[in-house]
N, C-alpha and C. Protein backbone atom coordinates (compact mmCIF):
# COMPACT_ATOMS: atom_id res chain seq x y z
N MET A 1 32.04 24.13 -8.78
CA MET A 1 33.31 23.69 -9.02
C MET A 1 34.25 24.12 -8.23
N LYS A 2 35.35 23.03 -7.89
CA LYS A 2 36.53 23.72 -7.15
C LYS A 2 37.77 23.11 -7.89
N ILE A 3 38.85 24.10 -7.73
CA ILE A 3 40.05 23.51 -8.32
C ILE A 3 41.19 23.63 -7.14
N VAL A 4 41.93 22.70 -7.16
CA VAL A 4 43.16 22.75 -5.97
C VAL A 4 44.22 22.50 -6.74
N VAL A 5 45.38 23.22 -6.67
CA VAL A 5 46.69 23.18 -7.35
C VAL A 5 47.57 23.11 -6.40
N GLY A 6 48.45 22.25 -6.65
CA GLY A 6 49.95 22.00 -5.90
C GLY A 6 50.91 22.32 -6.68
N LEU A 7 51.67 23.33 -6.15
CA LEU A 7 52.96 23.61 -6.86
C LEU A 7 53.97 22.90 -6.65
N GLY A 8 54.85 22.92 -7.86
CA GLY A 8 56.13 22.08 -7.82
C GLY A 8 56.85 22.07 -9.26
N ASN A 9 57.86 21.37 -9.45
CA ASN A 9 58.66 21.31 -10.61
C ASN A 9 58.50 19.94 -11.08
N PRO A 10 58.15 19.75 -12.29
CA PRO A 10 58.02 18.39 -13.02
C PRO A 10 59.24 17.78 -13.07
N GLY A 11 59.30 16.31 -13.31
CA GLY A 11 60.43 15.66 -13.39
C GLY A 11 61.17 14.92 -12.11
N SER A 12 61.78 13.76 -12.20
CA SER A 12 61.95 12.80 -11.27
C SER A 12 63.18 13.46 -10.36
N GLU A 13 63.99 14.40 -10.89
CA GLU A 13 65.08 15.00 -10.16
C GLU A 13 64.75 15.96 -9.22
N TYR A 14 63.36 16.43 -9.13
CA TYR A 14 62.76 17.30 -8.29
C TYR A 14 61.88 16.74 -7.21
N GLU A 15 61.51 15.59 -7.64
CA GLU A 15 60.89 14.82 -6.48
C GLU A 15 61.52 14.87 -5.05
N LYS A 16 60.69 15.08 -4.16
CA LYS A 16 61.15 15.11 -2.78
C LYS A 16 61.81 16.07 -2.36
N THR A 17 62.01 17.22 -3.30
CA THR A 17 62.71 18.44 -2.83
C THR A 17 61.46 19.58 -2.27
N LEU A 18 62.12 20.48 -1.50
CA LEU A 18 61.41 21.26 -0.83
C LEU A 18 60.44 22.06 -1.62
N HIS A 19 60.77 22.49 -2.81
CA HIS A 19 59.86 23.17 -3.73
C HIS A 19 58.89 22.45 -4.40
N ASN A 20 58.69 21.08 -4.16
CA ASN A 20 57.66 20.23 -4.58
C ASN A 20 56.83 19.95 -3.37
N LEU A 21 56.67 20.55 -2.16
CA LEU A 21 55.75 20.33 -1.27
C LEU A 21 54.34 20.32 -1.70
N GLY A 22 54.02 21.39 -2.37
CA GLY A 22 52.73 21.43 -3.10
C GLY A 22 52.37 20.07 -3.83
N PHE A 23 53.20 19.56 -4.74
CA PHE A 23 53.05 18.36 -5.50
C PHE A 23 52.69 17.28 -4.50
N MET A 24 53.52 17.12 -3.46
CA MET A 24 53.29 15.83 -2.46
C MET A 24 51.89 15.98 -2.02
N ALA A 25 51.55 17.45 -1.53
CA ALA A 25 50.31 17.45 -1.00
C ALA A 25 48.99 17.13 -1.93
N ILE A 26 49.08 17.71 -3.05
CA ILE A 26 48.01 17.44 -4.06
C ILE A 26 47.91 15.87 -4.30
N ASP A 27 49.13 15.10 -4.28
CA ASP A 27 49.01 13.67 -4.69
C ASP A 27 48.58 13.07 -3.55
N ILE A 28 48.54 13.33 -2.24
CA ILE A 28 47.52 12.91 -1.30
C ILE A 28 46.17 13.06 -1.38
N VAL A 29 45.98 14.08 -2.01
CA VAL A 29 44.56 14.60 -1.98
C VAL A 29 43.89 13.74 -3.17
N ALA A 30 44.70 13.46 -4.24
CA ALA A 30 44.52 12.72 -5.31
C ALA A 30 44.09 11.29 -4.83
N GLU A 31 45.11 10.69 -3.89
CA GLU A 31 44.83 9.49 -3.52
C GLU A 31 43.66 9.33 -2.69
N LYS A 32 43.44 10.34 -1.89
CA LYS A 32 42.35 10.23 -0.91
C LYS A 32 40.86 10.23 -1.84
N LEU A 33 40.91 10.95 -2.79
CA LEU A 33 39.62 11.17 -3.91
C LEU A 33 39.62 9.84 -4.85
N SER A 34 40.51 9.18 -4.83
CA SER A 34 40.88 8.04 -5.90
C SER A 34 40.54 8.35 -7.15
N CYS A 35 41.45 9.63 -7.50
CA CYS A 35 41.55 9.87 -9.00
C CYS A 35 42.90 9.92 -9.40
N ASP A 36 43.26 9.94 -10.70
CA ASP A 36 44.49 9.93 -11.34
C ASP A 36 45.01 11.00 -12.31
N PHE A 37 46.06 11.40 -12.22
CA PHE A 37 46.57 12.49 -12.99
C PHE A 37 46.67 12.26 -14.44
N PHE A 38 46.44 13.26 -15.26
CA PHE A 38 46.69 12.86 -16.75
C PHE A 38 46.88 14.21 -17.43
N LYS A 39 47.59 14.25 -18.50
CA LYS A 39 47.96 15.45 -19.16
C LYS A 39 46.73 15.88 -20.23
N LYS A 40 46.17 17.10 -19.74
CA LYS A 40 45.14 17.67 -20.70
C LYS A 40 45.94 18.37 -21.85
N ALA A 41 45.54 17.86 -22.88
CA ALA A 41 46.20 18.43 -24.09
C ALA A 41 46.26 19.98 -24.31
N ASN A 42 45.23 20.81 -24.06
CA ASN A 42 45.19 22.27 -24.24
C ASN A 42 45.55 23.00 -22.80
N LEU A 43 46.03 22.27 -21.68
CA LEU A 43 46.44 22.95 -20.48
C LEU A 43 48.03 22.72 -20.14
N LYS A 44 48.59 23.59 -19.58
CA LYS A 44 50.13 23.40 -19.29
C LYS A 44 50.38 22.40 -17.77
N ALA A 45 49.43 21.58 -17.74
CA ALA A 45 49.38 20.91 -16.38
C ALA A 45 48.92 19.49 -16.73
N MET A 46 49.25 18.83 -15.51
CA MET A 46 48.63 17.41 -15.11
C MET A 46 47.31 17.54 -14.67
N THR A 47 46.07 16.98 -14.86
CA THR A 47 45.03 17.29 -13.93
C THR A 47 44.37 15.93 -13.82
N ALA A 48 43.52 15.90 -12.58
CA ALA A 48 42.77 14.76 -12.19
C ALA A 48 41.48 15.23 -12.00
N GLU A 49 40.27 14.57 -12.32
CA GLU A 49 39.00 14.97 -12.01
C GLU A 49 38.26 14.32 -11.23
N THR A 50 37.37 14.59 -10.41
CA THR A 50 36.50 13.76 -9.89
C THR A 50 35.00 14.53 -9.32
N VAL A 51 34.25 14.17 -8.66
CA VAL A 51 33.13 14.57 -8.18
C VAL A 51 32.99 14.30 -6.84
N VAL A 52 32.72 15.31 -6.00
CA VAL A 52 32.66 15.23 -4.54
C VAL A 52 31.41 15.96 -4.26
N LYS A 53 30.49 15.34 -3.56
CA LYS A 53 29.18 15.98 -3.07
C LYS A 53 28.42 16.49 -4.25
N GLY A 54 28.55 15.95 -5.38
CA GLY A 54 27.69 16.36 -6.56
C GLY A 54 28.41 17.65 -7.29
N GLU A 55 29.60 18.11 -6.87
CA GLU A 55 30.43 19.23 -7.27
C GLU A 55 31.72 18.82 -8.10
N LYS A 56 31.97 19.11 -9.23
CA LYS A 56 33.10 18.70 -9.90
C LYS A 56 34.48 19.32 -9.33
N VAL A 57 35.45 18.69 -9.22
CA VAL A 57 36.77 18.96 -8.70
C VAL A 57 37.86 18.76 -9.70
N ILE A 58 38.58 19.54 -9.70
CA ILE A 58 39.72 19.55 -10.55
C ILE A 58 41.08 19.68 -9.82
N LEU A 59 41.97 18.77 -9.80
CA LEU A 59 43.32 18.81 -9.23
C LEU A 59 44.25 19.10 -10.09
N VAL A 60 45.24 19.91 -9.87
CA VAL A 60 46.15 20.28 -10.96
C VAL A 60 47.67 20.39 -10.45
N LYS A 61 48.43 19.92 -11.11
CA LYS A 61 49.87 19.76 -11.08
C LYS A 61 50.48 20.61 -12.19
N PRO A 62 50.98 21.97 -12.16
CA PRO A 62 51.54 22.72 -13.43
C PRO A 62 52.48 21.82 -13.97
N LEU A 63 52.92 21.91 -15.12
CA LEU A 63 54.23 21.41 -15.74
C LEU A 63 54.93 22.71 -16.39
N THR A 64 54.68 23.72 -15.83
CA THR A 64 55.67 24.89 -16.49
C THR A 64 56.70 25.27 -15.60
N PHE A 65 57.21 24.37 -14.75
CA PHE A 65 58.08 24.56 -13.61
C PHE A 65 57.74 25.82 -12.71
N MET A 66 58.14 26.03 -11.51
CA MET A 66 57.83 26.77 -10.50
C MET A 66 57.60 28.25 -11.08
N ASN A 67 58.63 28.75 -11.70
CA ASN A 67 58.46 30.14 -11.97
C ASN A 67 57.44 30.57 -12.67
N LEU A 68 57.06 29.70 -13.50
CA LEU A 68 55.98 29.90 -14.68
C LEU A 68 54.55 29.22 -14.32
N SER A 69 54.50 29.06 -12.90
CA SER A 69 53.45 28.30 -12.50
C SER A 69 51.97 29.16 -12.77
N GLY A 70 52.06 30.46 -13.06
CA GLY A 70 50.92 31.16 -13.40
C GLY A 70 50.51 30.83 -14.73
N GLU A 71 51.43 30.59 -15.61
CA GLU A 71 50.86 30.26 -16.95
C GLU A 71 49.82 28.84 -16.86
N ALA A 72 50.28 27.66 -16.28
CA ALA A 72 49.34 26.67 -16.10
C ALA A 72 48.22 27.06 -15.25
N VAL A 73 48.13 27.77 -14.18
CA VAL A 73 47.13 28.21 -13.18
C VAL A 73 45.93 29.17 -14.03
N SER A 74 46.55 30.04 -14.72
CA SER A 74 45.47 30.96 -15.38
C SER A 74 44.83 29.95 -16.67
N ALA A 75 45.64 29.15 -17.36
CA ALA A 75 45.08 28.43 -18.15
C ALA A 75 43.97 27.49 -17.79
N VAL A 76 44.16 26.86 -16.59
CA VAL A 76 43.10 26.18 -16.11
C VAL A 76 41.97 26.58 -15.53
N VAL A 77 42.23 28.12 -14.86
CA VAL A 77 41.11 28.85 -14.50
C VAL A 77 40.31 29.49 -15.62
N ASN A 78 40.91 29.92 -16.72
CA ASN A 78 40.26 30.23 -17.98
C ASN A 78 39.29 29.22 -18.39
N TYR A 79 40.16 28.22 -18.69
CA TYR A 79 39.35 26.93 -19.31
C TYR A 79 38.07 26.54 -18.66
N TYR A 80 38.04 26.50 -17.25
CA TYR A 80 36.92 25.95 -16.57
C TYR A 80 35.93 27.00 -16.02
N LYS A 81 36.50 28.34 -16.36
CA LYS A 81 35.85 29.47 -15.88
C LYS A 81 35.27 29.33 -14.30
N VAL A 82 36.43 29.41 -13.36
CA VAL A 82 36.00 29.05 -12.06
C VAL A 82 36.44 30.57 -11.25
N PRO A 83 35.40 30.84 -10.47
CA PRO A 83 35.71 32.08 -9.68
C PRO A 83 37.01 31.75 -8.62
N LEU A 84 37.74 32.67 -8.43
CA LEU A 84 39.05 32.45 -7.71
C LEU A 84 38.68 32.25 -6.45
N LYS A 85 37.71 32.59 -5.95
CA LYS A 85 37.27 32.10 -4.52
C LYS A 85 37.30 30.51 -4.44
N ASP A 86 37.15 29.93 -5.38
CA ASP A 86 37.17 28.26 -5.53
C ASP A 86 38.11 27.57 -6.11
N VAL A 87 39.49 28.50 -6.20
CA VAL A 87 40.79 28.00 -6.63
C VAL A 87 41.71 28.00 -5.35
N MET A 88 42.27 26.81 -4.86
CA MET A 88 42.99 26.79 -3.66
C MET A 88 44.46 26.45 -4.27
N ILE A 89 45.58 27.11 -3.90
CA ILE A 89 46.95 26.97 -4.14
C ILE A 89 47.39 26.40 -3.03
N MET A 90 48.24 25.31 -3.11
CA MET A 90 49.18 24.83 -2.02
C MET A 90 50.57 24.87 -2.35
N TYR A 91 51.49 25.37 -1.46
CA TYR A 91 52.82 25.52 -1.93
C TYR A 91 53.79 25.62 -0.73
N ASP A 92 55.12 25.74 -0.91
CA ASP A 92 56.07 25.60 0.11
C ASP A 92 56.22 27.06 0.40
N ASP A 93 56.75 27.40 1.65
CA ASP A 93 57.00 28.76 1.88
C ASP A 93 57.91 28.81 2.89
N LEU A 94 58.83 29.64 2.48
CA LEU A 94 60.15 29.88 3.62
C LEU A 94 60.23 30.75 5.04
N ASP A 95 58.97 31.35 4.79
CA ASP A 95 58.34 32.32 5.93
C ASP A 95 57.70 31.28 7.12
N ILE A 96 57.36 30.30 6.73
CA ILE A 96 56.55 29.35 7.61
C ILE A 96 57.50 28.41 8.40
N ASP A 97 57.47 28.11 9.74
CA ASP A 97 58.33 27.00 10.36
C ASP A 97 58.14 25.76 9.48
N VAL A 98 58.96 25.07 9.55
CA VAL A 98 59.01 23.62 9.16
C VAL A 98 57.84 22.71 9.94
N GLY A 99 57.14 22.14 9.25
CA GLY A 99 56.15 21.29 10.28
C GLY A 99 54.72 22.19 10.54
N ALA A 100 54.51 23.32 9.91
CA ALA A 100 53.28 24.07 10.20
C ALA A 100 52.93 24.28 8.88
N ILE A 101 51.65 24.64 8.72
CA ILE A 101 51.05 25.48 7.43
C ILE A 101 50.23 26.55 7.97
N ARG A 102 49.93 27.27 7.01
CA ARG A 102 49.12 28.45 7.25
C ARG A 102 48.02 28.74 5.92
N VAL A 103 46.73 29.02 6.22
CA VAL A 103 45.64 29.15 5.49
C VAL A 103 45.31 30.41 5.34
N LYS A 104 45.21 30.99 4.22
CA LYS A 104 44.51 32.24 4.19
C LYS A 104 43.70 32.35 2.88
N PRO A 105 42.61 33.26 3.05
CA PRO A 105 41.69 33.35 1.69
C PRO A 105 42.02 34.02 0.61
N SER A 106 43.44 34.89 0.90
CA SER A 106 43.91 35.84 -0.09
C SER A 106 45.30 36.11 0.45
N GLY A 107 45.79 37.25 -0.21
CA GLY A 107 47.04 37.72 0.10
C GLY A 107 48.29 37.96 -1.15
N SER A 108 49.32 38.39 -0.65
CA SER A 108 50.13 38.86 -1.56
C SER A 108 50.97 37.51 -1.88
N SER A 109 51.99 37.65 -2.92
CA SER A 109 52.66 36.49 -3.38
C SER A 109 53.88 36.43 -2.35
N GLY A 110 54.20 37.56 -1.65
CA GLY A 110 55.49 37.14 -0.70
C GLY A 110 56.51 37.20 -1.54
N THR A 111 57.57 36.40 -1.21
CA THR A 111 59.00 36.07 -1.88
C THR A 111 58.97 34.88 -2.65
N HIS A 112 57.83 34.20 -2.93
CA HIS A 112 57.76 32.74 -3.67
C HIS A 112 57.38 33.23 -5.12
N ASN A 113 58.40 32.79 -6.13
CA ASN A 113 58.08 33.00 -7.27
C ASN A 113 57.03 32.33 -8.19
N GLY A 114 56.73 31.11 -7.86
CA GLY A 114 55.52 30.50 -8.20
C GLY A 114 54.24 31.42 -7.95
N MET A 115 54.27 31.81 -6.89
CA MET A 115 53.01 32.66 -6.39
C MET A 115 53.09 34.17 -7.24
N ARG A 116 54.26 34.54 -7.23
CA ARG A 116 54.36 35.86 -8.17
C ARG A 116 53.82 35.62 -9.57
N SER A 117 54.22 34.56 -10.18
CA SER A 117 53.66 34.31 -11.49
C SER A 117 52.22 34.08 -11.46
N ILE A 118 51.84 33.46 -10.50
CA ILE A 118 50.22 33.10 -10.63
C ILE A 118 49.28 34.50 -10.38
N VAL A 119 49.99 35.41 -9.40
CA VAL A 119 49.42 36.79 -9.22
C VAL A 119 49.41 37.45 -10.48
N ALA A 120 50.63 37.59 -11.18
CA ALA A 120 50.85 38.22 -12.33
C ALA A 120 49.87 37.70 -13.40
N CYS A 121 49.61 36.45 -13.53
CA CYS A 121 48.95 35.96 -14.72
C CYS A 121 47.39 36.04 -14.39
N LEU A 122 46.87 36.04 -13.08
CA LEU A 122 45.58 36.24 -12.84
C LEU A 122 45.08 37.51 -12.55
N ASN A 123 46.32 38.33 -12.18
CA ASN A 123 46.08 39.84 -12.01
C ASN A 123 45.23 40.00 -10.92
N ASP A 124 45.41 39.14 -9.75
CA ASP A 124 44.36 39.17 -8.63
C ASP A 124 45.35 38.42 -7.51
N THR A 125 45.01 38.71 -6.11
CA THR A 125 45.31 38.01 -5.20
C THR A 125 44.21 37.22 -4.22
N ALA A 126 42.87 37.29 -4.84
CA ALA A 126 41.87 36.91 -3.95
C ALA A 126 41.41 35.46 -4.32
N PHE A 127 42.54 34.57 -4.06
CA PHE A 127 42.25 33.20 -4.05
C PHE A 127 42.68 32.39 -2.66
N PRO A 128 42.18 31.43 -2.39
CA PRO A 128 42.88 30.92 -1.07
C PRO A 128 44.09 30.04 -1.24
N ARG A 129 44.91 30.08 -0.38
CA ARG A 129 46.12 29.45 -0.28
C ARG A 129 46.62 28.70 1.01
N VAL A 130 47.25 27.63 0.64
CA VAL A 130 47.89 26.81 1.78
C VAL A 130 49.52 26.79 1.70
N ARG A 131 49.99 27.32 2.61
CA ARG A 131 51.35 27.62 2.81
C ARG A 131 52.14 26.61 3.78
N ILE A 132 52.95 25.61 3.06
CA ILE A 132 53.55 24.73 3.90
C ILE A 132 54.77 25.15 4.23
N GLY A 133 55.30 25.03 5.61
CA GLY A 133 56.50 25.53 6.07
C GLY A 133 57.85 24.93 5.59
N SER A 134 58.71 25.79 5.17
CA SER A 134 59.99 25.23 4.74
C SER A 134 61.04 26.13 5.30
N LYS A 135 60.87 26.72 6.29
CA LYS A 135 61.62 28.00 6.84
C LYS A 135 63.33 27.32 6.73
N LYS A 136 64.19 28.16 6.31
CA LYS A 136 65.52 27.86 6.06
C LYS A 136 66.27 28.08 7.32
N ASP A 137 67.08 27.14 7.77
CA ASP A 137 67.88 27.36 8.97
C ASP A 137 69.43 27.31 8.53
N ASN A 138 69.82 27.22 7.33
CA ASN A 138 71.01 27.00 7.07
C ASN A 138 71.42 28.22 6.04
N ASP A 139 72.34 29.04 6.71
CA ASP A 139 72.47 30.40 6.07
C ASP A 139 73.57 30.16 5.20
N GLU A 140 74.33 29.02 5.11
CA GLU A 140 75.57 28.75 4.01
C GLU A 140 74.83 28.44 2.70
N MET A 141 73.84 27.95 2.56
CA MET A 141 73.07 27.33 1.28
C MET A 141 72.51 28.54 0.75
N SER A 142 72.66 28.66 -0.71
CA SER A 142 71.93 29.61 -1.35
C SER A 142 70.41 29.24 -1.29
N LEU A 143 69.50 30.29 -1.60
CA LEU A 143 68.20 29.94 -1.66
C LEU A 143 67.84 28.97 -2.51
N ILE A 144 68.41 29.14 -3.80
CA ILE A 144 67.85 28.21 -4.97
C ILE A 144 68.13 26.74 -4.53
N ASP A 145 69.57 26.88 -4.02
CA ASP A 145 70.05 25.41 -3.53
C ASP A 145 69.13 24.82 -2.66
N TYR A 146 68.69 25.64 -1.50
CA TYR A 146 68.08 25.27 -0.56
C TYR A 146 66.42 24.63 -1.08
N VAL A 147 65.74 25.42 -1.87
CA VAL A 147 64.44 24.99 -2.38
C VAL A 147 64.52 23.84 -3.05
N LEU A 148 65.78 23.59 -3.91
CA LEU A 148 65.83 22.49 -4.86
C LEU A 148 66.53 21.30 -4.05
N SER A 149 66.80 21.30 -2.75
CA SER A 149 67.39 20.37 -2.08
C SER A 149 66.33 19.43 -1.36
N LYS A 150 66.62 18.06 -1.35
CA LYS A 150 65.69 17.02 -1.03
C LYS A 150 65.48 17.26 0.57
N ILE A 151 64.28 16.93 0.84
CA ILE A 151 63.83 16.90 2.47
C ILE A 151 64.77 16.35 3.28
N PRO A 152 65.32 16.95 4.53
CA PRO A 152 66.34 16.26 5.10
C PRO A 152 65.63 15.20 5.88
N LYS A 153 66.47 14.11 6.25
CA LYS A 153 65.98 12.95 7.03
C LYS A 153 65.55 13.35 8.14
N GLU A 154 66.18 14.28 9.02
CA GLU A 154 66.08 14.56 10.36
C GLU A 154 64.75 15.33 10.42
N LYS A 155 64.25 16.02 9.32
CA LYS A 155 63.21 16.70 9.33
C LYS A 155 61.82 16.08 8.59
N ALA A 156 62.15 14.81 8.15
CA ALA A 156 61.19 14.18 7.29
C ALA A 156 59.85 13.78 7.86
N GLU A 157 59.76 13.64 9.21
CA GLU A 157 58.47 13.60 9.95
C GLU A 157 57.74 14.79 10.13
N LEU A 158 58.38 15.73 10.26
CA LEU A 158 57.65 17.13 10.29
C LEU A 158 57.28 17.69 8.98
N TYR A 159 57.98 17.51 7.86
CA TYR A 159 57.52 17.60 6.43
C TYR A 159 56.08 16.85 6.34
N ALA A 160 56.37 15.57 6.48
CA ALA A 160 55.45 14.58 6.15
C ALA A 160 54.12 14.88 6.80
N ALA A 161 53.90 15.35 8.07
CA ALA A 161 52.94 16.00 9.02
C ALA A 161 52.25 17.16 8.29
N ALA A 162 53.09 17.94 8.00
CA ALA A 162 52.60 19.41 7.45
C ALA A 162 51.84 18.86 6.07
N ILE A 163 52.44 18.27 5.10
CA ILE A 163 52.05 17.68 3.76
C ILE A 163 50.76 17.29 4.05
N LYS A 164 50.50 16.21 4.82
CA LYS A 164 49.35 15.59 5.16
C LYS A 164 48.37 16.42 5.70
N ARG A 165 48.72 17.39 6.67
CA ARG A 165 47.73 18.62 7.14
C ARG A 165 47.04 19.30 5.87
N ALA A 166 48.30 19.79 5.02
CA ALA A 166 47.85 20.73 3.80
C ALA A 166 46.83 19.98 3.07
N ALA A 167 47.06 18.58 2.79
CA ALA A 167 46.05 17.61 2.09
C ALA A 167 44.74 17.57 2.68
N GLU A 168 44.63 17.52 4.06
CA GLU A 168 43.33 17.40 4.91
C GLU A 168 42.74 18.92 4.66
N CYS A 169 43.28 19.77 4.59
CA CYS A 169 42.78 21.25 4.62
C CYS A 169 42.19 21.32 3.05
N ALA A 170 42.71 20.80 2.16
CA ALA A 170 42.43 20.75 0.85
C ALA A 170 40.82 20.13 0.69
N ILE A 171 41.11 18.80 1.41
CA ILE A 171 39.81 18.19 1.36
C ILE A 171 38.55 18.83 2.15
N SER A 172 39.03 19.44 3.14
CA SER A 172 37.81 20.25 3.84
C SER A 172 37.21 21.37 2.87
N PHE A 173 38.20 21.97 1.98
CA PHE A 173 37.93 23.17 1.04
C PHE A 173 36.80 22.54 0.08
N ILE A 174 37.21 21.24 -0.42
CA ILE A 174 36.61 20.41 -1.36
C ILE A 174 35.26 20.19 -0.81
N ASP A 175 35.12 19.84 0.23
CA ASP A 175 33.86 19.32 0.65
C ASP A 175 32.99 20.57 1.37
N GLY A 176 33.37 21.84 0.91
CA GLY A 176 32.55 23.16 1.19
C GLY A 176 32.69 23.53 2.50
N MET A 177 33.68 23.11 3.47
CA MET A 177 33.71 23.64 4.67
C MET A 177 33.71 25.23 4.64
N ASP A 178 33.16 25.99 5.70
CA ASP A 178 33.05 27.37 5.59
C ASP A 178 34.66 27.86 5.77
N PHE A 179 35.15 28.82 5.01
CA PHE A 179 36.58 28.98 5.15
C PHE A 179 37.06 29.62 6.53
N ASP A 180 36.26 30.18 7.23
CA ASP A 180 36.70 30.79 8.68
C ASP A 180 37.00 29.49 9.42
N ARG A 181 36.12 28.58 9.33
CA ARG A 181 36.15 27.30 10.27
C ARG A 181 37.54 26.41 9.56
N ILE A 182 37.78 26.39 8.20
CA ILE A 182 39.21 25.98 7.88
C ILE A 182 40.32 26.57 8.23
N MET A 183 40.32 27.90 8.45
CA MET A 183 41.38 28.68 9.27
C MET A 183 41.51 28.50 10.58
N ASN A 184 40.22 28.24 11.31
CA ASN A 184 40.55 27.98 12.66
C ASN A 184 40.81 26.59 12.76
N ILE A 185 40.53 25.61 12.06
CA ILE A 185 41.12 24.25 12.37
C ILE A 185 42.71 24.28 12.04
N TYR A 186 42.99 24.44 10.73
CA TYR A 186 44.44 24.23 10.26
C TYR A 186 45.46 25.58 10.53
N ASN A 187 45.01 26.45 11.14
CA ASN A 187 45.98 27.53 11.38
C ASN A 187 46.55 27.41 12.76
N THR A 188 46.04 26.45 13.44
CA THR A 188 46.68 26.05 14.92
C THR A 188 47.84 25.32 14.94
N ARG A 189 48.71 25.53 15.97
CA ARG A 189 49.91 24.65 15.91
C ARG A 189 49.72 23.27 16.07
N VAL A 190 50.32 22.52 15.49
CA VAL A 190 50.16 20.84 15.56
C VAL A 190 51.02 20.60 16.89
């Protein structure tokens, strides 16, 4: 079984904001796999389920808001009893250039509050992640205002390409591609 999580904030006011890049990527994955999200009663998330190459796949959009993402992710992981190497998290990352993604098999949470929550709730860092670049180039805007701002029109194509690439990376993971190969393919500059 594979679980792929896209991080974001629920609610229409957060759609198309930088903090919802993970939600945008997981929506593309769900569309490509022809599955729909629904609320699972005992989980703090919207989930979509399908089968790929005979293996069950669960797509996840936490409903806990970004800073409490770990509550939803740990609930899903514990419910399905999936090893962390089979759980991929996609999220926005201020340390990555806009238009780029970075894929890693494990690592720290960095400065991302959603990832801090996930690491704290899982008490582990050994799970794959796809970081979607959202580097801040505006020093006048506070960090919280920046991550909750809408994708700027002048960078919309760069963000769209990175979100699409993150979704393609998740599909490769779901398809069972070797993780070293995934990193070789998706960690190159576009």
